[in-house]
N, C-alpha and C. Protein backbone atom coordinates (compact mmCIF):
# COMPACT_ATOMS: atom_id res chain seq x y z
N UNK A 1 129.39 106.91 92.12
CA UNK A 1 128.61 106.43 90.98
C UNK A 1 129.58 105.99 89.89
N UNK A 2 129.25 104.93 89.26
CA UNK A 2 130.04 104.36 88.19
C UNK A 2 130.17 105.35 87.02
N UNK A 3 131.39 105.60 86.56
CA UNK A 3 131.65 106.54 85.45
C UNK A 3 130.94 106.10 84.17
N UNK A 4 130.90 104.80 83.93
CA UNK A 4 130.24 104.28 82.73
C UNK A 4 128.75 104.63 82.73
N UNK A 5 128.11 104.56 83.89
CA UNK A 5 126.70 104.88 84.02
C UNK A 5 126.48 106.36 83.70
N UNK A 6 127.36 107.21 84.22
CA UNK A 6 127.25 108.65 83.95
C UNK A 6 127.37 108.95 82.47
N UNK A 7 128.29 108.28 81.78
CA UNK A 7 128.47 108.50 80.35
C UNK A 7 127.24 108.13 79.55
N UNK A 8 126.57 107.04 79.92
CA UNK A 8 125.41 106.56 79.16
C UNK A 8 124.13 107.29 79.54
N UNK A 9 123.90 107.50 80.84
CA UNK A 9 122.61 108.01 81.30
C UNK A 9 122.64 109.46 81.78
N UNK A 10 123.81 110.05 81.94
CA UNK A 10 123.91 111.40 82.49
C UNK A 10 123.90 112.49 81.43
N UNK A 11 123.84 113.72 81.92
CA UNK A 11 123.95 114.94 81.10
C UNK A 11 122.85 115.06 80.05
N UNK A 12 121.67 114.56 80.38
CA UNK A 12 120.50 114.71 79.51
C UNK A 12 119.26 114.37 80.33
N UNK A 13 118.12 114.75 79.84
CA UNK A 13 116.86 114.40 80.50
C UNK A 13 116.41 113.05 79.96
N UNK A 14 116.21 112.11 80.87
CA UNK A 14 115.71 110.79 80.49
C UNK A 14 114.24 110.67 80.86
N UNK A 15 113.46 110.13 79.96
CA UNK A 15 112.07 109.81 80.26
C UNK A 15 112.02 108.30 80.42
N UNK A 16 111.56 107.89 81.62
CA UNK A 16 111.56 106.47 81.97
C UNK A 16 110.14 106.02 82.28
N UNK A 17 109.90 104.74 82.12
CA UNK A 17 108.65 104.11 82.55
C UNK A 17 109.01 103.10 83.63
N UNK A 18 108.18 103.01 84.66
CA UNK A 18 108.43 102.11 85.79
C UNK A 18 107.13 101.40 86.15
N UNK A 19 107.26 100.13 86.56
CA UNK A 19 106.09 99.34 86.88
C UNK A 19 106.00 98.96 88.34
N UNK A 20 104.84 99.16 88.92
CA UNK A 20 104.57 98.76 90.30
C UNK A 20 103.80 97.44 90.25
N UNK A 21 104.51 96.35 90.54
CA UNK A 21 103.95 95.00 90.42
C UNK A 21 103.89 94.38 91.81
N UNK A 22 102.68 94.21 92.31
CA UNK A 22 102.46 93.64 93.63
C UNK A 22 101.98 92.20 93.53
N UNK A 23 102.47 91.37 94.45
CA UNK A 23 101.92 90.04 94.71
C UNK A 23 101.59 90.04 96.19
N UNK A 24 100.32 90.22 96.50
CA UNK A 24 99.93 90.42 97.90
C UNK A 24 100.54 91.72 98.38
N UNK A 25 101.26 91.66 99.50
CA UNK A 25 101.94 92.85 100.04
C UNK A 25 103.39 92.93 99.60
N UNK A 26 103.79 92.10 98.65
CA UNK A 26 105.18 92.07 98.18
C UNK A 26 105.30 92.85 96.86
N UNK A 27 106.29 93.72 96.78
CA UNK A 27 106.51 94.54 95.60
C UNK A 27 107.73 94.05 94.85
N UNK A 28 107.62 93.90 93.53
CA UNK A 28 108.75 93.49 92.72
C UNK A 28 109.77 94.62 92.63
N UNK A 29 110.99 94.34 93.07
CA UNK A 29 112.07 95.33 93.06
C UNK A 29 113.33 94.73 92.47
N UNK A 30 114.14 95.62 91.91
CA UNK A 30 115.43 95.23 91.35
C UNK A 30 116.51 95.95 92.15
N UNK A 31 117.54 95.20 92.51
CA UNK A 31 118.70 95.76 93.20
C UNK A 31 119.73 96.11 92.13
N UNK A 32 120.01 97.42 92.01
CA UNK A 32 120.93 97.92 90.99
C UNK A 32 122.32 98.17 91.55
N UNK A 33 123.30 97.85 90.77
CA UNK A 33 124.71 98.04 91.12
C UNK A 33 125.15 99.46 90.71
N UNK A 34 124.62 100.46 91.42
CA UNK A 34 124.94 101.85 91.09
C UNK A 34 126.13 102.37 91.89
N UNK A 35 126.25 101.88 93.10
CA UNK A 35 127.29 102.35 94.01
C UNK A 35 128.07 101.17 94.55
N UNK A 36 129.38 101.31 94.72
CA UNK A 36 130.15 100.20 95.32
C UNK A 36 129.67 99.94 96.75
N UNK A 37 129.50 98.69 97.08
CA UNK A 37 129.15 98.29 98.45
C UNK A 37 127.85 98.92 98.96
N UNK A 38 126.91 99.22 98.07
CA UNK A 38 125.63 99.76 98.51
C UNK A 38 124.53 99.25 97.60
N UNK A 39 123.44 98.80 98.18
CA UNK A 39 122.28 98.36 97.42
C UNK A 39 121.48 99.58 96.98
N UNK A 40 120.73 99.43 95.89
CA UNK A 40 119.73 100.42 95.50
C UNK A 40 118.57 99.67 94.87
N UNK A 41 117.46 99.61 95.60
CA UNK A 41 116.28 98.87 95.19
C UNK A 41 115.27 99.81 94.54
N UNK A 42 114.78 99.41 93.37
CA UNK A 42 113.81 100.23 92.64
C UNK A 42 112.90 99.32 91.82
N UNK A 43 111.69 99.80 91.51
CA UNK A 43 110.81 99.03 90.63
C UNK A 43 111.43 98.86 89.24
N UNK A 44 111.09 97.77 88.55
CA UNK A 44 111.60 97.59 87.19
C UNK A 44 111.16 98.73 86.28
N UNK A 45 112.00 99.03 85.31
CA UNK A 45 111.66 100.06 84.34
C UNK A 45 112.88 100.51 83.58
N UNK A 46 112.66 101.44 82.67
CA UNK A 46 113.77 101.94 81.88
C UNK A 46 113.33 103.00 80.91
N UNK A 47 114.22 103.33 80.01
CA UNK A 47 114.02 104.45 79.10
C UNK A 47 112.98 104.20 78.03
N UNK A 48 112.26 105.27 77.74
CA UNK A 48 111.28 105.28 76.66
C UNK A 48 112.05 105.52 75.36
N UNK A 49 111.77 104.71 74.34
CA UNK A 49 112.44 104.85 73.06
C UNK A 49 111.56 105.62 72.09
N UNK A 50 112.18 106.35 71.19
CA UNK A 50 111.48 107.15 70.19
C UNK A 50 110.50 106.26 69.41
N UNK A 51 109.25 106.71 69.34
CA UNK A 51 108.24 105.99 68.59
C UNK A 51 107.57 104.85 69.33
N UNK A 52 107.95 104.62 70.58
CA UNK A 52 107.39 103.52 71.36
C UNK A 52 106.45 104.09 72.42
N UNK A 53 105.28 103.48 72.55
CA UNK A 53 104.34 103.93 73.58
C UNK A 53 104.89 103.60 74.96
N UNK A 54 104.40 104.32 75.95
CA UNK A 54 104.84 104.06 77.33
C UNK A 54 104.50 102.63 77.74
N UNK A 55 103.32 102.15 77.38
CA UNK A 55 102.92 100.78 77.74
C UNK A 55 103.83 99.75 77.07
N UNK A 56 104.11 99.94 75.79
CA UNK A 56 104.99 99.00 75.09
C UNK A 56 106.40 99.03 75.66
N UNK A 57 106.88 100.21 76.01
CA UNK A 57 108.22 100.32 76.62
C UNK A 57 108.27 99.59 77.95
N UNK A 58 107.21 99.71 78.74
CA UNK A 58 107.19 99.05 80.04
C UNK A 58 107.14 97.53 79.89
N UNK A 59 106.37 97.04 78.94
CA UNK A 59 106.32 95.60 78.67
C UNK A 59 107.72 95.12 78.25
N UNK A 60 108.39 95.87 77.39
CA UNK A 60 109.75 95.51 76.95
C UNK A 60 110.72 95.51 78.12
N UNK A 61 110.68 96.55 78.94
CA UNK A 61 111.60 96.65 80.08
C UNK A 61 111.40 95.51 81.07
N UNK A 62 110.16 95.15 81.34
CA UNK A 62 109.91 94.03 82.26
C UNK A 62 110.48 92.73 81.71
N UNK A 63 110.31 92.51 80.41
CA UNK A 63 110.85 91.29 79.81
C UNK A 63 112.38 91.30 79.88
N UNK A 64 113.01 92.44 79.54
CA UNK A 64 114.46 92.53 79.56
C UNK A 64 115.03 92.33 80.97
N UNK A 65 114.41 92.96 81.95
CA UNK A 65 114.98 92.99 83.30
C UNK A 65 114.53 91.83 84.18
N UNK A 66 113.32 91.31 83.96
CA UNK A 66 112.76 90.34 84.90
C UNK A 66 112.30 89.03 84.26
N UNK A 67 112.23 88.97 82.93
CA UNK A 67 111.70 87.83 82.18
C UNK A 67 110.21 87.59 82.44
N UNK A 68 109.52 88.61 82.91
CA UNK A 68 108.09 88.49 83.18
C UNK A 68 107.26 89.15 82.09
N UNK A 69 106.13 88.52 81.78
CA UNK A 69 105.11 89.14 80.95
C UNK A 69 104.18 89.92 81.88
N UNK A 70 103.79 91.10 81.44
CA UNK A 70 102.91 91.93 82.27
C UNK A 70 101.78 92.52 81.43
N UNK A 71 100.77 92.97 82.15
CA UNK A 71 99.71 93.78 81.58
C UNK A 71 99.80 95.14 82.27
N UNK A 72 99.86 96.19 81.49
CA UNK A 72 99.93 97.54 82.04
C UNK A 72 98.50 97.96 82.39
N UNK A 73 98.32 98.37 83.65
CA UNK A 73 96.99 98.74 84.14
C UNK A 73 96.88 100.26 84.25
N UNK A 74 96.83 100.77 85.45
CA UNK A 74 96.59 102.19 85.69
C UNK A 74 97.87 103.02 85.70
N UNK A 75 97.79 104.22 85.12
CA UNK A 75 98.87 105.19 85.32
C UNK A 75 98.72 105.72 86.74
N UNK A 76 99.82 105.76 87.49
CA UNK A 76 99.78 106.21 88.88
C UNK A 76 100.29 107.63 89.06
N UNK A 77 101.51 107.92 88.61
CA UNK A 77 102.07 109.24 88.89
C UNK A 77 103.33 109.45 88.06
N UNK A 78 103.87 110.65 88.19
CA UNK A 78 105.16 110.97 87.59
C UNK A 78 106.08 111.46 88.70
N UNK A 79 107.31 111.00 88.65
CA UNK A 79 108.32 111.42 89.64
C UNK A 79 109.49 112.04 88.88
N UNK A 80 110.00 113.14 89.43
CA UNK A 80 111.17 113.79 88.84
C UNK A 80 112.35 113.65 89.77
N UNK A 81 113.46 113.20 89.20
CA UNK A 81 114.71 113.03 89.94
C UNK A 81 115.75 113.92 89.29
N UNK A 82 116.34 114.82 90.09
CA UNK A 82 117.42 115.67 89.61
C UNK A 82 118.57 115.57 90.59
N UNK A 83 119.68 115.04 90.13
CA UNK A 83 120.92 114.97 90.89
C UNK A 83 122.05 115.00 89.86
N UNK A 84 122.47 116.22 89.47
CA UNK A 84 123.44 116.34 88.37
C UNK A 84 124.60 115.38 88.53
N UNK A 85 124.93 114.72 87.42
CA UNK A 85 124.55 114.97 86.03
C UNK A 85 123.30 114.22 85.57
N UNK A 86 122.50 113.71 86.52
CA UNK A 86 121.32 112.92 86.16
C UNK A 86 120.05 113.72 86.32
N UNK A 87 119.13 113.54 85.37
CA UNK A 87 117.82 114.16 85.42
C UNK A 87 116.84 113.21 84.74
N UNK A 88 115.85 112.73 85.49
CA UNK A 88 114.89 111.77 84.94
C UNK A 88 113.47 112.16 85.30
N UNK A 89 112.58 111.95 84.35
CA UNK A 89 111.15 112.00 84.57
C UNK A 89 110.67 110.55 84.45
N UNK A 90 110.04 110.05 85.51
CA UNK A 90 109.65 108.64 85.57
C UNK A 90 108.13 108.52 85.64
N UNK A 91 107.57 107.81 84.67
CA UNK A 91 106.14 107.56 84.62
C UNK A 91 105.87 106.22 85.29
N UNK A 92 105.09 106.24 86.37
CA UNK A 92 104.81 105.02 87.13
C UNK A 92 103.43 104.48 86.80
N UNK A 93 103.40 103.18 86.51
CA UNK A 93 102.16 102.48 86.19
C UNK A 93 102.00 101.29 87.12
N UNK A 94 100.76 100.99 87.46
CA UNK A 94 100.45 99.72 88.12
C UNK A 94 100.46 98.65 87.04
N UNK A 95 101.11 97.53 87.31
CA UNK A 95 101.16 96.44 86.33
C UNK A 95 100.78 95.13 87.00
N UNK A 96 100.37 94.19 86.19
CA UNK A 96 99.99 92.86 86.67
C UNK A 96 100.83 91.81 85.94
N UNK A 97 101.41 90.91 86.70
CA UNK A 97 102.17 89.80 86.13
C UNK A 97 101.18 88.86 85.46
N UNK A 98 101.47 88.50 84.18
CA UNK A 98 100.58 87.58 83.45
C UNK A 98 101.28 86.29 83.05
N UNK A 99 102.62 86.23 83.20
CA UNK A 99 103.33 85.01 82.85
C UNK A 99 104.82 85.15 83.05
N UNK A 100 105.50 84.04 82.91
CA UNK A 100 106.94 84.02 83.05
C UNK A 100 107.37 83.69 84.47
N UNK A 101 108.67 83.50 84.62
CA UNK A 101 109.30 83.22 85.91
C UNK A 101 110.34 84.30 86.16
N UNK A 102 110.32 84.87 87.35
CA UNK A 102 111.25 85.96 87.68
C UNK A 102 112.69 85.48 87.58
N UNK A 103 113.44 86.16 86.73
CA UNK A 103 114.87 85.87 86.55
C UNK A 103 115.62 87.18 86.36
N UNK A 104 116.86 87.23 86.83
CA UNK A 104 117.69 88.40 86.61
C UNK A 104 117.92 88.55 85.11
N UNK A 105 117.58 89.71 84.60
CA UNK A 105 117.71 89.98 83.18
C UNK A 105 118.96 90.81 82.87
N UNK A 106 118.84 91.63 81.85
CA UNK A 106 119.98 92.42 81.40
C UNK A 106 119.53 93.81 80.95
N UNK A 107 120.49 94.68 80.80
CA UNK A 107 120.25 96.02 80.30
C UNK A 107 120.98 96.13 78.96
N UNK A 108 120.24 96.13 77.84
CA UNK A 108 120.90 96.08 76.53
C UNK A 108 121.79 97.28 76.21
N UNK A 109 121.60 98.40 76.94
CA UNK A 109 122.46 99.56 76.70
C UNK A 109 123.88 99.35 77.23
N UNK A 110 124.04 98.34 78.08
CA UNK A 110 125.32 98.14 78.75
C UNK A 110 126.01 96.85 78.30
N UNK A 111 127.35 96.87 78.24
CA UNK A 111 128.08 95.64 77.90
C UNK A 111 127.93 94.60 79.02
N UNK A 112 128.20 93.36 78.69
CA UNK A 112 128.02 92.24 79.63
C UNK A 112 128.78 92.44 80.94
N UNK A 113 129.96 93.03 80.89
CA UNK A 113 130.76 93.21 82.11
C UNK A 113 130.39 94.45 82.91
N UNK A 114 129.37 95.22 82.46
CA UNK A 114 128.96 96.44 83.16
C UNK A 114 127.47 96.41 83.52
N UNK A 115 126.88 95.23 83.57
CA UNK A 115 125.46 95.11 83.89
C UNK A 115 125.17 95.62 85.30
N UNK A 116 123.97 96.18 85.49
CA UNK A 116 123.60 96.82 86.75
C UNK A 116 122.76 95.96 87.68
N UNK A 117 122.07 94.96 87.16
CA UNK A 117 121.12 94.20 87.98
C UNK A 117 121.85 93.18 88.84
N UNK A 118 121.74 93.36 90.17
CA UNK A 118 122.35 92.43 91.14
C UNK A 118 121.37 91.34 91.57
N UNK A 119 120.11 91.76 91.76
CA UNK A 119 119.11 90.85 92.32
C UNK A 119 117.74 91.36 91.91
N UNK A 120 116.78 90.46 91.95
CA UNK A 120 115.39 90.82 91.67
C UNK A 120 114.51 89.92 92.51
N UNK A 121 113.50 90.54 93.14
CA UNK A 121 112.59 89.71 93.93
C UNK A 121 111.36 90.50 94.38
N UNK A 122 110.34 89.74 94.72
CA UNK A 122 109.16 90.33 95.34
C UNK A 122 109.51 90.52 96.81
N UNK A 123 109.63 91.76 97.23
CA UNK A 123 110.09 92.08 98.58
C UNK A 123 108.90 92.41 99.49
N UNK A 124 108.83 91.78 100.65
CA UNK A 124 107.78 92.12 101.62
C UNK A 124 107.88 93.59 102.03
N UNK A 125 106.72 94.21 102.25
CA UNK A 125 106.71 95.63 102.56
C UNK A 125 107.51 95.95 103.83
N UNK A 126 107.45 95.09 104.82
CA UNK A 126 108.20 95.33 106.06
C UNK A 126 109.71 95.42 105.77
N UNK A 127 110.18 94.61 104.84
CA UNK A 127 111.59 94.65 104.47
C UNK A 127 111.93 95.94 103.71
N UNK A 128 111.01 96.39 102.86
CA UNK A 128 111.21 97.67 102.15
C UNK A 128 111.31 98.80 103.16
N UNK A 129 110.41 98.80 104.13
CA UNK A 129 110.41 99.85 105.17
C UNK A 129 111.71 99.85 105.96
N UNK A 130 112.30 98.69 106.15
CA UNK A 130 113.52 98.58 106.95
C UNK A 130 114.78 99.03 106.20
N UNK A 131 114.69 99.16 104.87
CA UNK A 131 115.86 99.59 104.10
C UNK A 131 116.21 101.04 104.44
N UNK A 132 117.50 101.37 104.51
CA UNK A 132 117.86 102.79 104.65
C UNK A 132 117.35 103.58 103.44
N UNK A 133 116.98 104.83 103.64
CA UNK A 133 116.44 105.64 102.55
C UNK A 133 117.35 105.69 101.34
N UNK A 134 118.66 105.73 101.54
CA UNK A 134 119.60 105.84 100.42
C UNK A 134 119.62 104.57 99.57
N UNK A 135 119.03 103.47 100.08
CA UNK A 135 119.04 102.20 99.37
C UNK A 135 117.71 101.87 98.70
N UNK A 136 116.77 102.83 98.66
CA UNK A 136 115.50 102.57 97.99
C UNK A 136 115.07 103.78 97.18
N UNK A 137 114.35 103.51 96.13
CA UNK A 137 113.86 104.56 95.24
C UNK A 137 113.07 105.59 96.04
N UNK A 138 113.21 106.85 95.64
CA UNK A 138 112.55 107.94 96.36
C UNK A 138 111.06 107.80 96.49
N UNK A 139 110.40 107.22 95.50
CA UNK A 139 108.94 107.06 95.58
C UNK A 139 108.56 106.10 96.71
N UNK A 140 109.40 105.10 96.96
CA UNK A 140 109.12 104.14 98.03
C UNK A 140 109.21 104.80 99.40
N UNK A 141 109.99 105.86 99.51
CA UNK A 141 110.12 106.57 100.79
C UNK A 141 108.83 107.30 101.15
N UNK A 142 107.98 107.55 100.17
CA UNK A 142 106.72 108.28 100.39
C UNK A 142 105.59 107.38 100.86
N UNK A 143 105.78 106.08 100.75
CA UNK A 143 104.69 105.12 101.03
C UNK A 143 104.94 104.37 102.33
N UNK A 144 103.89 104.25 103.12
CA UNK A 144 103.98 103.51 104.38
C UNK A 144 103.60 102.04 104.22
N UNK A 145 102.93 101.72 103.13
CA UNK A 145 102.51 100.35 102.89
C UNK A 145 102.11 100.17 101.43
N UNK A 146 101.83 98.92 101.04
CA UNK A 146 101.52 98.65 99.63
C UNK A 146 100.26 99.35 99.13
N UNK A 147 99.30 99.59 100.01
CA UNK A 147 98.08 100.28 99.58
C UNK A 147 98.37 101.72 99.19
N UNK A 148 99.41 102.33 99.79
CA UNK A 148 99.78 103.70 99.43
C UNK A 148 100.21 103.80 97.97
N UNK A 149 100.76 102.72 97.42
CA UNK A 149 101.17 102.74 96.00
C UNK A 149 99.97 102.98 95.09
N UNK A 150 98.82 102.44 95.49
CA UNK A 150 97.62 102.57 94.67
C UNK A 150 96.96 103.94 94.83
N UNK A 151 97.45 104.73 95.81
CA UNK A 151 96.90 106.06 96.04
C UNK A 151 97.76 107.16 95.43
N UNK A 152 98.90 106.78 94.87
CA UNK A 152 99.79 107.77 94.27
C UNK A 152 99.12 108.41 93.06
N UNK A 153 99.11 109.73 93.04
CA UNK A 153 98.61 110.48 91.89
C UNK A 153 99.40 111.77 91.81
N UNK A 154 99.51 112.30 90.62
CA UNK A 154 100.14 113.60 90.47
C UNK A 154 101.63 113.54 90.24
N UNK A 155 102.30 114.59 90.69
CA UNK A 155 103.72 114.82 90.44
C UNK A 155 104.49 114.80 91.75
N UNK A 156 105.62 114.11 91.77
CA UNK A 156 106.47 114.04 92.95
C UNK A 156 107.90 114.39 92.57
N UNK A 157 108.50 115.26 93.35
CA UNK A 157 109.93 115.56 93.19
C UNK A 157 110.67 114.71 94.22
N UNK A 158 111.50 113.79 93.75
CA UNK A 158 112.17 112.87 94.67
C UNK A 158 113.68 113.07 94.66
């Protein structure tokens, strides 16, 4: 794991918002540059800021990372990730694309030469299933298809 990432995001509990955006059976995913020579695909999202609602944070994160306008729909679930020095609580929402064109965005917490986003795209579910577990978000490992995303409720330790 990149030392810079650990310094910014590690050694504290992060509360994140994440959006599940489907187009047909394709899920919008971002490939993050977390590990050398390894992909890590996850839904768009990021940290909740003090005084900002979860919905507003998710709208901001989608614009920053994907250049897409969204409407936040249903709250789906919460996932907890603990792998010291990282600890995150992630609030997952179903979202709908309302405008914009998908483009690789940026992470304002990071300098230009340390950006994490490698790729962004609506990925077919068969391709998600074919990814090795270490290359996809833990919540995606729990789902056998796109309809399973709409059935997620409760708390998941991933």
